[in-house]
Amino acid sequence: MSSRISFIYQDKIFSYTNFYERLRGESAPYYRLDFSVRQKLPWKGFELLLNISNLTSTIEKDINIATGYSMKEQYYGVTADIGLRYRL
Protein backbone atom coordinates (compact mmCIF):
# COMPACT_ATOMS: atom_id res chain seq x y z
CA MET A 1 0.00 0.00 0.00
CA SER A 2 1.16 3.53 -0.69
CA SER A 3 -0.46 6.81 0.29
CA ARG A 4 0.22 10.49 -0.14
CA ILE A 5 -1.01 13.70 1.47
CA SER A 6 -0.38 16.95 -0.38
CA PHE A 7 -0.79 20.53 0.81
CA ILE A 8 -1.26 23.44 -1.62
CA TYR A 9 -0.91 27.09 -0.55
CA GLN A 10 -1.11 30.26 -2.61
CA ASP A 11 -1.53 33.91 -1.70
CA LYS A 12 -1.55 37.36 -3.32
CA ILE A 13 -1.55 36.37 -6.97
CA PHE A 14 -2.37 39.45 -9.04
CA SER A 15 -5.66 38.71 -10.84
CA TYR A 16 -7.36 41.96 -11.95
CA THR A 17 -5.79 45.03 -13.48
CA ASN A 18 -7.34 48.47 -13.75
CA PHE A 19 -6.18 52.02 -14.35
CA TYR A 20 -7.55 52.89 -10.90
CA GLU A 21 -5.53 51.19 -8.19
CA ARG A 22 -8.57 50.85 -5.92
CA LEU A 23 -10.22 48.55 -8.50
CA ARG A 24 -7.33 46.05 -8.78
CA GLY A 25 -7.62 42.55 -7.43
CA GLU A 26 -5.53 39.68 -6.11
CA SER A 27 -6.14 36.20 -4.76
CA ALA A 28 -6.93 35.74 -1.08
CA PRO A 29 -4.92 33.21 0.94
CA TYR A 30 -5.88 29.73 -0.26
CA TYR A 31 -4.84 26.33 0.99
CA ARG A 32 -6.02 22.86 0.12
CA LEU A 33 -5.35 19.35 1.38
CA ASP A 34 -5.48 16.30 -0.91
CA PHE A 35 -5.16 12.59 -0.11
CA SER A 36 -4.32 9.64 -2.35
CA VAL A 37 -3.96 5.93 -1.64
CA ARG A 38 -3.13 2.89 -3.78
CA GLN A 39 -3.42 -0.75 -2.72
CA LYS A 40 -2.18 -3.74 -4.70
CA LEU A 41 -4.74 -6.53 -4.84
CA PRO A 42 -3.96 -10.26 -4.56
CA TRP A 43 -4.57 -10.79 -8.30
CA LYS A 44 -1.59 -10.18 -10.55
CA GLY A 45 -1.57 -6.67 -12.01
CA PHE A 46 -4.63 -5.31 -10.16
CA GLU A 47 -4.62 -2.22 -7.92
CA LEU A 48 -7.31 -0.28 -6.10
CA LEU A 49 -7.00 3.55 -6.20
CA LEU A 50 -8.61 6.30 -4.14
CA ASN A 51 -8.08 10.06 -4.57
CA ILE A 52 -9.77 12.69 -2.39
CA SER A 53 -9.30 16.36 -3.29
CA ASN A 54 -9.93 19.53 -1.26
CA LEU A 55 -10.48 17.86 2.11
CA THR A 56 -10.67 21.31 3.70
CA SER A 57 -13.52 22.48 1.37
CA THR A 58 -11.69 25.78 0.90
CA ILE A 59 -13.28 28.51 -1.23
CA GLU A 60 -10.98 30.15 -3.78
CA LYS A 61 -11.44 33.95 -3.72
CA ASP A 62 -10.19 37.04 -5.52
CA ILE A 63 -10.37 40.20 -3.42
CA ASN A 64 -10.24 43.93 -4.08
CA ILE A 65 -6.78 45.16 -3.02
CA ALA A 66 -8.07 48.47 -1.61
CA THR A 67 -11.14 47.28 0.30
CA GLY A 68 -10.53 43.58 0.95
CA TYR A 69 -14.01 42.72 -0.31
CA SER A 70 -14.56 39.64 -2.44
CA MET A 71 -14.60 40.15 -6.23
CA LYS A 72 -15.01 36.52 -7.25
CA GLU A 73 -15.48 33.22 -5.41
CA GLN A 74 -15.17 29.64 -6.66
CA TYR A 75 -16.33 26.72 -4.57
CA TYR A 76 -15.29 23.24 -5.68
CA GLY A 77 -16.13 21.23 -2.56
CA VAL A 78 -14.66 17.84 -1.75
CA THR A 79 -14.29 15.43 -4.66
CA ALA A 80 -13.36 11.75 -4.64
CA ASP A 81 -12.34 9.26 -7.30
CA ILE A 82 -12.14 5.53 -6.86
CA GLY A 83 -10.77 3.17 -9.46
CA LEU A 84 -9.45 -0.23 -10.34
CA ARG A 85 -6.25 -0.49 -12.38
CA TYR A 86 -4.86 -3.42 -14.30
CA ARG A 87 -1.23 -3.29 -15.45
CA LEU A 88 -0.08 -5.57 -18.23
PDB file of N, CA and C in Angstrom:
ATOM      1  N   MET A   1       0.850  -1.167   0.000  1.00  0.00           N
ATOM      2  CA  MET A   1       0.000   0.000   0.000  1.00  0.00           C
ATOM      3  C   MET A   1       0.900   1.236   0.000  1.00  0.00           C
ATOM      4  N   SER A   2       0.473   2.241  -0.726  1.00  0.00           N
ATOM      5  CA  SER A   2       1.156   3.533  -0.690  1.00  0.00           C
ATOM      6  C   SER A   2       0.100   4.624  -0.572  1.00  0.00           C
ATOM      7  N   SER A   3       0.466   5.687   0.127  1.00  0.00           N
ATOM      8  CA  SER A   3      -0.460   6.812   0.292  1.00  0.00           C
ATOM      9  C   SER A   3       0.329   8.111   0.243  1.00  0.00           C
ATOM     10  N   ARG A   4      -0.405   9.182  -0.017  1.00  0.00           N
ATOM     11  CA  ARG A   4       0.225  10.493  -0.140  1.00  0.00           C
ATOM     12  C   ARG A   4      -0.756  11.562   0.328  1.00  0.00           C
ATOM     13  N   ILE A   5      -0.245  12.518   1.077  1.00  0.00           N
ATOM     14  CA  ILE A   5      -1.009  13.703   1.467  1.00  0.00           C
ATOM     15  C   ILE A   5      -0.277  14.899   0.868  1.00  0.00           C
ATOM     16  N   SER A   6      -1.008  15.768   0.192  1.00  0.00           N
ATOM     17  CA  SER A   6      -0.379  16.951  -0.380  1.00  0.00           C
ATOM     18  C   SER A   6      -1.084  18.206   0.127  1.00  0.00           C
ATOM     19  N   PHE A   7      -0.304  19.252   0.310  1.00  0.00           N
ATOM     20  CA  PHE A   7      -0.793  20.528   0.806  1.00  0.00           C
ATOM     21  C   PHE A   7      -0.448  21.600  -0.226  1.00  0.00           C
ATOM     22  N   ILE A   8      -1.441  22.376  -0.627  1.00  0.00           N
ATOM     23  CA  ILE A   8      -1.256  23.437  -1.618  1.00  0.00           C
ATOM     24  C   ILE A   8      -1.579  24.775  -0.941  1.00  0.00           C
ATOM     25  N   TYR A   9      -0.689  25.751  -1.112  1.00  0.00           N
ATOM     26  CA  TYR A   9      -0.913  27.088  -0.548  1.00  0.00           C
ATOM     27  C   TYR A   9      -0.555  28.136  -1.603  1.00  0.00           C
ATOM     28  N   GLN A  10      -1.408  29.130  -1.731  1.00  0.00           N
ATOM     29  CA  GLN A  10      -1.106  30.264  -2.609  1.00  0.00           C
ATOM     30  C   GLN A  10      -1.716  31.519  -2.004  1.00  0.00           C
ATOM     31  N   ASP A  11      -1.073  32.658  -2.272  1.00  0.00           N
ATOM     32  CA  ASP A  11      -1.534  33.910  -1.704  1.00  0.00           C
ATOM     33  C   ASP A  11      -1.056  35.077  -2.572  1.00  0.00           C
ATOM     34  N   LYS A  12      -1.869  36.095  -2.647  1.00  0.00           N
ATOM     35  CA  LYS A  12      -1.552  37.364  -3.321  1.00  0.00           C
ATOM     36  C   LYS A  12      -1.074  37.195  -4.757  1.00  0.00           C
ATOM     37  N   ILE A  13      -1.831  36.470  -5.546  1.00  0.00           N
ATOM     38  CA  ILE A  13      -1.550  36.367  -6.970  1.00  0.00           C
ATOM     39  C   ILE A  13      -2.376  37.450  -7.669  1.00  0.00           C
ATOM     40  N   PHE A  14      -1.708  38.337  -8.375  1.00  0.00           N
ATOM     41  CA  PHE A  14      -2.374  39.454  -9.041  1.00  0.00           C
ATOM     42  C   PHE A  14      -3.364  38.915 -10.069  1.00  0.00           C
ATOM     43  N   SER A  15      -4.638  39.307  -9.966  1.00  0.00           N
ATOM     44  CA  SER A  15      -5.656  38.713 -10.836  1.00  0.00           C
ATOM     45  C   SER A  15      -6.458  39.720 -11.665  1.00  0.00           C
ATOM     46  N   TYR A  16      -6.592  40.963 -11.213  1.00  0.00           N
ATOM     47  CA  TYR A  16      -7.363  41.963 -11.947  1.00  0.00           C
ATOM     48  C   TYR A  16      -6.558  43.243 -12.070  1.00  0.00           C
ATOM     49  N   THR A  17      -6.478  43.768 -13.268  1.00  0.00           N
ATOM     50  CA  THR A  17      -5.789  45.035 -13.478  1.00  0.00           C
ATOM     51  C   THR A  17      -6.817  46.114 -13.807  1.00  0.00           C
ATOM     52  N   ASN A  18      -6.472  47.338 -13.459  1.00  0.00           N
ATOM     53  CA  ASN A  18      -7.341  48.467 -13.750  1.00  0.00           C
ATOM     54  C   ASN A  18      -6.504  49.733 -13.658  1.00  0.00           C
ATOM     55  N   PHE A  19      -6.887  50.736 -14.417  1.00  0.00           N
ATOM     56  CA  PHE A  19      -6.184  52.024 -14.351  1.00  0.00           C
ATOM     57  C   PHE A  19      -6.231  52.577 -12.930  1.00  0.00           C
ATOM     58  N   TYR A  20      -7.385  52.425 -12.275  1.00  0.00           N
ATOM     59  CA  TYR A  20      -7.552  52.890 -10.898  1.00  0.00           C
ATOM     60  C   TYR A  20      -7.081  51.806  -9.935  1.00  0.00           C
ATOM     61  N   GLU A  21      -6.121  52.165  -9.112  1.00  0.00           N
ATOM     62  CA  GLU A  21      -5.527  51.188  -8.189  1.00  0.00           C
ATOM     63  C   GLU A  21      -6.569  50.580  -7.253  1.00  0.00           C
ATOM     64  N   ARG A  22      -7.563  51.343  -6.854  1.00  0.00           N
ATOM     65  CA  ARG A  22      -8.573  50.847  -5.918  1.00  0.00           C
ATOM     66  C   ARG A  22      -9.471  49.764  -6.523  1.00  0.00           C
ATOM     67  N   LEU A  23      -9.400  49.569  -7.840  1.00  0.00           N
ATOM     68  CA  LEU A  23     -10.218  48.554  -8.497  1.00  0.00           C
ATOM     69  C   LEU A  23      -9.415  47.297  -8.878  1.00  0.00           C
ATOM     70  N   ARG A  24      -8.163  47.223  -8.466  1.00  0.00           N
ATOM     71  CA  ARG A  24      -7.332  46.054  -8.779  1.00  0.00           C
ATOM     72  C   ARG A  24      -7.622  44.916  -7.805  1.00  0.00           C
ATOM     73  N   GLY A  25      -7.326  43.704  -8.267  1.00  0.00           N
ATOM     74  CA  GLY A  25      -7.624  42.546  -7.431  1.00  0.00           C
ATOM     75  C   GLY A  25      -6.486  41.546  -7.362  1.00  0.00           C
ATOM     76  N   GLU A  26      -6.510  40.742  -6.315  1.00  0.00           N
ATOM     77  CA  GLU A  26      -5.528  39.676  -6.114  1.00  0.00           C
ATOM     78  C   GLU A  26      -6.216  38.512  -5.409  1.00  0.00           C
ATOM     79  N   SER A  27      -5.554  37.358  -5.414  1.00  0.00           N
ATOM     80  CA  SER A  27      -6.141  36.198  -4.758  1.00  0.00           C
ATOM     81  C   SER A  27      -5.988  36.304  -3.245  1.00  0.00           C
ATOM     82  N   ALA A  28      -6.986  35.819  -2.536  1.00  0.00           N
ATOM     83  CA  ALA A  28      -6.934  35.745  -1.077  1.00  0.00           C
ATOM     84  C   ALA A  28      -6.125  34.503  -0.704  1.00  0.00           C
ATOM     85  N   PRO A  29      -5.642  34.416   0.529  1.00  0.00           N
ATOM     86  CA  PRO A  29      -4.915  33.212   0.943  1.00  0.00           C
ATOM     87  C   PRO A  29      -5.766  31.961   0.706  1.00  0.00           C
ATOM     88  N   TYR A  30      -5.160  30.960   0.117  1.00  0.00           N
ATOM     89  CA  TYR A  30      -5.876  29.731  -0.260  1.00  0.00           C
ATOM     90  C   TYR A  30      -4.995  28.535   0.061  1.00  0.00           C
ATOM     91  N   TYR A  31      -5.553  27.578   0.742  1.00  0.00           N
ATOM     92  CA  TYR A  31      -4.837  26.332   0.991  1.00  0.00           C
ATOM     93  C   TYR A  31      -5.786  25.159   0.798  1.00  0.00           C
ATOM     94  N   ARG A  32      -5.219  24.051   0.427  1.00  0.00           N
ATOM     95  CA  ARG A  32      -6.018  22.861   0.124  1.00  0.00           C
ATOM     96  C   ARG A  32      -5.234  21.621   0.523  1.00  0.00           C
ATOM     97  N   LEU A  33      -5.950  20.609   0.974  1.00  0.00           N
ATOM     98  CA  LEU A  33      -5.347  19.353   1.381  1.00  0.00           C
ATOM     99  C   LEU A  33      -5.936  18.233   0.533  1.00  0.00           C
ATOM    100  N   ASP A  34      -5.068  17.428  -0.070  1.00  0.00           N
ATOM    101  CA  ASP A  34      -5.484  16.295  -0.910  1.00  0.00           C
ATOM    102  C   ASP A  34      -4.909  15.002  -0.341  1.00  0.00           C
ATOM    103  N   PHE A  35      -5.591  13.893  -0.608  1.00  0.00           N
ATOM    104  CA  PHE A  35      -5.156  12.589  -0.114  1.00  0.00           C
ATOM    105  C   PHE A  35      -5.286  11.559  -1.232  1.00  0.00           C
ATOM    106  N   SER A  36      -4.313  10.684  -1.325  1.00  0.00           N
ATOM    107  CA  SER A  36      -4.315   9.645  -2.354  1.00  0.00           C
ATOM    108  C   SER A  36      -3.796   8.341  -1.749  1.00  0.00           C
ATOM    109  N   VAL A  37      -4.411   7.235  -2.120  1.00  0.00           N
ATOM    110  CA  VAL A  37      -3.964   5.927  -1.639  1.00  0.00           C
ATOM    111  C   VAL A  37      -4.077   4.902  -2.768  1.00  0.00           C
ATOM    112  N   ARG A  38      -3.127   3.959  -2.783  1.00  0.00           N
ATOM    113  CA  ARG A  38      -3.127   2.892  -3.783  1.00  0.00           C
ATOM    114  C   ARG A  38      -2.816   1.577  -3.071  1.00  0.00           C
ATOM    115  N   GLN A  39      -3.614   0.561  -3.342  1.00  0.00           N
ATOM    116  CA  GLN A  39      -3.421  -0.748  -2.717  1.00  0.00           C
ATOM    117  C   GLN A  39      -3.354  -1.826  -3.798  1.00  0.00           C
ATOM    118  N   LYS A  40      -2.273  -2.601  -3.780  1.00  0.00           N
ATOM    119  CA  LYS A  40      -2.180  -3.736  -4.697  1.00  0.00           C
ATOM    120  C   LYS A  40      -3.124  -4.833  -4.218  1.00  0.00           C
ATOM    121  N   LEU A  41      -3.806  -5.449  -5.157  1.00  0.00           N
ATOM    122  CA  LEU A  41      -4.744  -6.534  -4.845  1.00  0.00           C
ATOM    123  C   LEU A  41      -4.061  -7.885  -5.053  1.00  0.00           C
ATOM    124  N   PRO A  42      -4.621  -8.953  -4.478  1.00  0.00           N
ATOM    125  CA  PRO A  42      -3.959 -10.263  -4.559  1.00  0.00           C
ATOM    126  C   PRO A  42      -3.929 -10.871  -5.963  1.00  0.00           C
ATOM    127  N   TRP A  43      -4.596 -10.281  -6.930  1.00  0.00           N
ATOM    128  CA  TRP A  43      -4.573 -10.789  -8.296  1.00  0.00           C
ATOM    129  C   TRP A  43      -3.500 -10.062  -9.077  1.00  0.00           C
ATOM    130  N   LYS A  44      -2.736 -10.756  -9.849  1.00  0.00           N
ATOM    131  CA  LYS A  44      -1.592 -10.177 -10.550  1.00  0.00           C
ATOM    132  C   LYS A  44      -1.999  -9.001 -11.437  1.00  0.00           C
ATOM    133  N   GLY A  45      -1.358  -7.852 -11.191  1.00  0.00           N
ATOM    134  CA  GLY A  45      -1.565  -6.667 -12.012  1.00  0.00           C
ATOM    135  C   GLY A  45      -2.698  -5.749 -11.571  1.00  0.00           C
ATOM    136  N   PHE A  46      -3.489  -6.124 -10.577  1.00  0.00           N
ATOM    137  CA  PHE A  46      -4.634  -5.307 -10.155  1.00  0.00           C
ATOM    138  C   PHE A  46      -4.284  -4.424  -8.960  1.00  0.00           C
ATOM    139  N   GLU A  47      -4.790  -3.176  -9.014  1.00  0.00           N
ATOM    140  CA  GLU A  47      -4.615  -2.217  -7.923  1.00  0.00           C
ATOM    141  C   GLU A  47      -5.926  -1.461  -7.699  1.00  0.00           C
ATOM    142  N   LEU A  48      -6.160  -1.092  -6.464  1.00  0.00           N
ATOM    143  CA  LEU A  48      -7.310  -0.283  -6.097  1.00  0.00           C
ATOM    144  C   LEU A  48      -6.800   1.124  -5.785  1.00  0.00           C
ATOM    145  N   LEU A  49      -7.447   2.158  -6.352  1.00  0.00           N
ATOM    146  CA  LEU A  49      -7.000   3.545  -6.204  1.00  0.00           C
ATOM    147  C   LEU A  49      -8.093   4.397  -5.567  1.00  0.00           C
ATOM    148  N   LEU A  50      -7.676   5.348  -4.734  1.00  0.00           N
ATOM    149  CA  LEU A  50      -8.606   6.303  -4.135  1.00  0.00           C
ATOM    150  C   LEU A  50      -7.920   7.668  -4.077  1.00  0.00           C
ATOM    151  N   ASN A  51      -8.572   8.689  -4.615  1.00  0.00           N
ATOM    152  CA  ASN A  51      -8.080  10.065  -4.571  1.00  0.00           C
ATOM    153  C   ASN A  51      -9.177  10.952  -3.991  1.00  0.00           C
ATOM    154  N   ILE A  52      -8.831  11.740  -2.980  1.00  0.00           N
ATOM    155  CA  ILE A  52      -9.771  12.692  -2.392  1.00  0.00           C
ATOM    156  C   ILE A  52      -9.127  14.071  -2.476  1.00  0.00           C
ATOM    157  N   SER A  53      -9.827  15.008  -3.092  1.00  0.00           N
ATOM    158  CA  SER A  53      -9.297  16.360  -3.290  1.00  0.00           C
ATOM    159  C   SER A  53     -10.071  17.376  -2.462  1.00  0.00           C
ATOM    160  N   ASN A  54      -9.365  18.411  -2.015  1.00  0.00           N
ATOM    161  CA  ASN A  54      -9.930  19.531  -1.263  1.00  0.00           C
ATOM    162  C   ASN A  54     -10.632  19.072   0.017  1.00  0.00           C
ATOM    163  N   LEU A  55      -9.923  18.328   0.837  1.00  0.00           N
ATOM    164  CA  LEU A  55     -10.477  17.857   2.109  1.00  0.00           C
ATOM    165  C   LEU A  55     -10.923  18.997   3.015  1.00  0.00           C
ATOM    166  N   THR A  56     -10.338  20.156   2.863  1.00  0.00           N
ATOM    167  CA  THR A  56     -10.666  21.305   3.701  1.00  0.00           C
ATOM    168  C   THR A  56     -11.860  22.112   3.178  1.00  0.00           C
ATOM    169  N   SER A  57     -12.386  21.775   2.005  1.00  0.00           N
ATOM    170  CA  SER A  57     -13.520  22.483   1.374  1.00  0.00           C
ATOM    171  C   SER A  57     -13.276  23.986   1.281  1.00  0.00           C
ATOM    172  N   THR A  58     -12.064  24.372   0.963  1.00  0.00           N
ATOM    173  CA  THR A  58     -11.690  25.779   0.897  1.00  0.00           C
ATOM    174  C   THR A  58     -12.293  26.458  -0.325  1.00  0.00           C
ATOM    175  N   ILE A  59     -12.734  27.691  -0.145  1.00  0.00           N
ATOM    176  CA  ILE A  59     -13.278  28.507  -1.232  1.00  0.00           C
ATOM    177  C   ILE A  59     -12.147  29.358  -1.799  1.00  0.00           C
ATOM    178  N   GLU A  60     -12.003  29.337  -3.108  1.00  0.00           N
ATOM    179  CA  GLU A  60     -10.978  30.150  -3.779  1.00  0.00           C
ATOM    180  C   GLU A  60     -11.577  31.526  -4.061  1.00  0.00           C
ATOM    181  N   LYS A  61     -10.900  32.597  -3.600  1.00  0.00           N
ATOM    182  CA  LYS A  61     -11.444  33.951  -3.724  1.00  0.00           C
ATOM    183  C   LYS A  61     -10.432  34.900  -4.349  1.00  0.00           C
ATOM    184  N   ASP A  62     -10.955  35.882  -5.093  1.00  0.00           N
ATOM    185  CA  ASP A  62     -10.188  37.042  -5.523  1.00  0.00           C
ATOM    186  C   ASP A  62     -10.773  38.228  -4.778  1.00  0.00           C
ATOM    187  N   ILE A  63      -9.895  39.075  -4.217  1.00  0.00           N
ATOM    188  CA  ILE A  63     -10.368  40.204  -3.419  1.00  0.00           C
ATOM    189  C   ILE A  63      -9.884  41.526  -3.995  1.00  0.00           C
ATOM    190  N   ASN A  64     -10.624  42.579  -3.701  1.00  0.00           N
ATOM    191  CA  ASN A  64     -10.237  43.931  -4.078  1.00  0.00           C
ATOM    192  C   ASN A  64      -9.076  44.347  -3.186  1.00  0.00           C
ATOM    193  N   ILE A  65      -7.981  44.812  -3.782  1.00  0.00           N
ATOM    194  CA  ILE A  65      -6.777  45.165  -3.017  1.00  0.00           C
ATOM    195  C   ILE A  65      -7.060  46.306  -2.037  1.00  0.00           C
ATOM    196  N   ALA A  66      -7.829  47.293  -2.442  1.00  0.00           N
ATOM    197  CA  ALA A  66      -8.071  48.474  -1.605  1.00  0.00           C
ATOM    198  C   ALA A  66      -9.029  48.196  -0.451  1.00  0.00           C
ATOM    199  N   THR A  67     -10.103  47.457  -0.718  1.00  0.00           N
ATOM    200  CA  THR A  67     -11.142  47.280   0.301  1.00  0.00           C
ATOM    201  C   THR A  67     -11.092  45.932   1.016  1.00  0.00           C
ATOM    202  N   GLY A  68     -10.540  44.916   0.362  1.00  0.00           N
ATOM    203  CA  GLY A  68     -10.527  43.576   0.951  1.00  0.00           C
ATOM    204  C   GLY A  68     -11.807  42.794   0.705  1.00  0.00           C
ATOM    205  N   TYR A  69     -12.756  43.407  -0.005  1.00  0.00           N
ATOM    206  CA  TYR A  69     -14.015  42.721  -0.306  1.00  0.00           C
ATOM    207  C   TYR A  69     -13.824  41.722  -1.442  1.00  0.00           C
ATOM    208  N   SER A  70     -14.642  40.693  -1.433  1.00  0.00           N
ATOM    209  CA  SER A  70     -14.561  39.643  -2.439  1.00  0.00           C
ATOM    210  C   SER A  70     -15.015  40.151  -3.807  1.00  0.00           C
ATOM    211  N   MET A  71     -14.243  39.806  -4.856  1.00  0.00           N
ATOM    212  CA  MET A  71     -14.603  40.150  -6.227  1.00  0.00           C
ATOM    213  C   MET A  71     -15.130  38.921  -6.968  1.00  0.00           C
ATOM    214  N   LYS A  72     -14.611  37.755  -6.592  1.00  0.00           N
ATOM    215  CA  LYS A  72     -15.011  36.516  -7.246  1.00  0.00           C
ATOM    216  C   LYS A  72     -14.747  35.370  -6.275  1.00  0.00           C
ATOM    217  N   GLU A  73     -15.652  34.394  -6.243  1.00  0.00           N
ATOM    218  CA  GLU A  73     -15.479  33.217  -5.409  1.00  0.00           C
ATOM    219  C   GLU A  73     -15.769  31.972  -6.233  1.00  0.00           C
ATOM    220  N   GLN A  74     -14.952  30.931  -6.005  1.00  0.00           N
ATOM    221  CA  GLN A  74     -15.173  29.645  -6.663  1.00  0.00           C
ATOM    222  C   GLN A  74     -15.154  28.563  -5.602  1.00  0.00           C
ATOM    223  N   TYR A  75     -16.221  27.781  -5.547  1.00  0.00           N
ATOM    224  CA  TYR A  75     -16.325  26.717  -4.567  1.00  0.00           C
ATOM    225  C   TYR A  75     -16.365  25.374  -5.291  1.00  0.00           C
ATOM    226  N   TYR A  76     -15.380  24.540  -5.027  1.00  0.00           N
ATOM    227  CA  TYR A  76     -15.294  23.237  -5.681  1.00  0.00           C
ATOM    228  C   TYR A  76     -15.758  22.105  -4.784  1.00  0.00           C
ATOM    229  N   GLY A  77     -15.731  22.283  -3.485  1.00  0.00           N
ATOM    230  CA  GLY A  77     -16.129  21.233  -2.557  1.00  0.00           C
ATOM    231  C   GLY A  77     -15.135  20.085  -2.551  1.00  0.00           C
ATOM    232  N   VAL A  78     -15.493  19.044  -1.829  1.00  0.00           N
ATOM    233  CA  VAL A  78     -14.662  17.838  -1.753  1.00  0.00           C
ATOM    234  C   VAL A  78     -15.039  16.922  -2.908  1.00  0.00           C
ATOM    235  N   THR A  79     -14.035  16.395  -3.597  1.00  0.00           N
ATOM    236  CA  THR A  79     -14.290  15.428  -4.661  1.00  0.00           C
ATOM    237  C   THR A  79     -13.501  14.160  -4.381  1.00  0.00           C
ATOM    238  N   ALA A  80     -14.030  13.037  -4.844  1.00  0.00           N
ATOM    239  CA  ALA A  80     -13.361  11.752  -4.640  1.00  0.00           C
ATOM    240  C   ALA A  80     -13.455  10.918  -5.909  1.00  0.00           C
ATOM    241  N   ASP A  81     -12.393  10.189  -6.176  1.00  0.00           N
ATOM    242  CA  ASP A  81     -12.343   9.256  -7.299  1.00  0.00           C
ATOM    243  C   ASP A  81     -11.903   7.908  -6.755  1.00  0.00           C
ATOM    244  N   ILE A  82     -12.548   6.871  -7.221  1.00  0.00           N
ATOM    245  CA  ILE A  82     -12.135   5.529  -6.859  1.00  0.00           C
ATOM    246  C   ILE A  82     -11.984   4.740  -8.160  1.00  0.00           C
ATOM    247  N   GLY A  83     -10.992   3.897  -8.219  1.00  0.00           N
ATOM    248  CA  GLY A  83     -10.766   3.167  -9.463  1.00  0.00           C
ATOM    249  C   GLY A  83     -10.062   1.846  -9.260  1.00  0.00           C
ATOM    250  N   LEU A  84     -10.115   1.063 -10.291  1.00  0.00           N
ATOM    251  CA  LEU A  84      -9.451  -0.230 -10.338  1.00  0.00           C
ATOM    252  C   LEU A  84      -8.512  -0.195 -11.534  1.00  0.00           C
ATOM    253  N   ARG A  85      -7.253  -0.541 -11.315  1.00  0.00           N
ATOM    254  CA  ARG A  85      -6.250  -0.489 -12.377  1.00  0.00           C
ATOM    255  C   ARG A  85      -5.721  -1.900 -12.629  1.00  0.00           C
ATOM    256  N   TYR A  86      -5.514  -2.175 -13.914  1.00  0.00           N
ATOM    257  CA  TYR A  86      -4.859  -3.425 -14.297  1.00  0.00           C
ATOM    258  C   TYR A  86      -3.642  -3.076 -15.143  1.00  0.00           C
ATOM    259  N   ARG A  87      -2.477  -3.515 -14.710  1.00  0.00           N
ATOM    260  CA  ARG A  87      -1.233  -3.288 -15.451  1.00  0.00           C
ATOM    261  C   ARG A  87      -0.828  -4.552 -16.160  1.00  0.00           C
ATOM    262  N   LEU A  88      -0.512  -4.416 -17.430  1.00  0.00           N
ATOM    263  CA  LEU A  88      -0.084  -5.565 -18.233  1.00  0.00           C
ATOM    264  C   LEU A  88       1.331  -5.980 -17.892  1.00  0.00           C
TER     265      LEU A  88
END
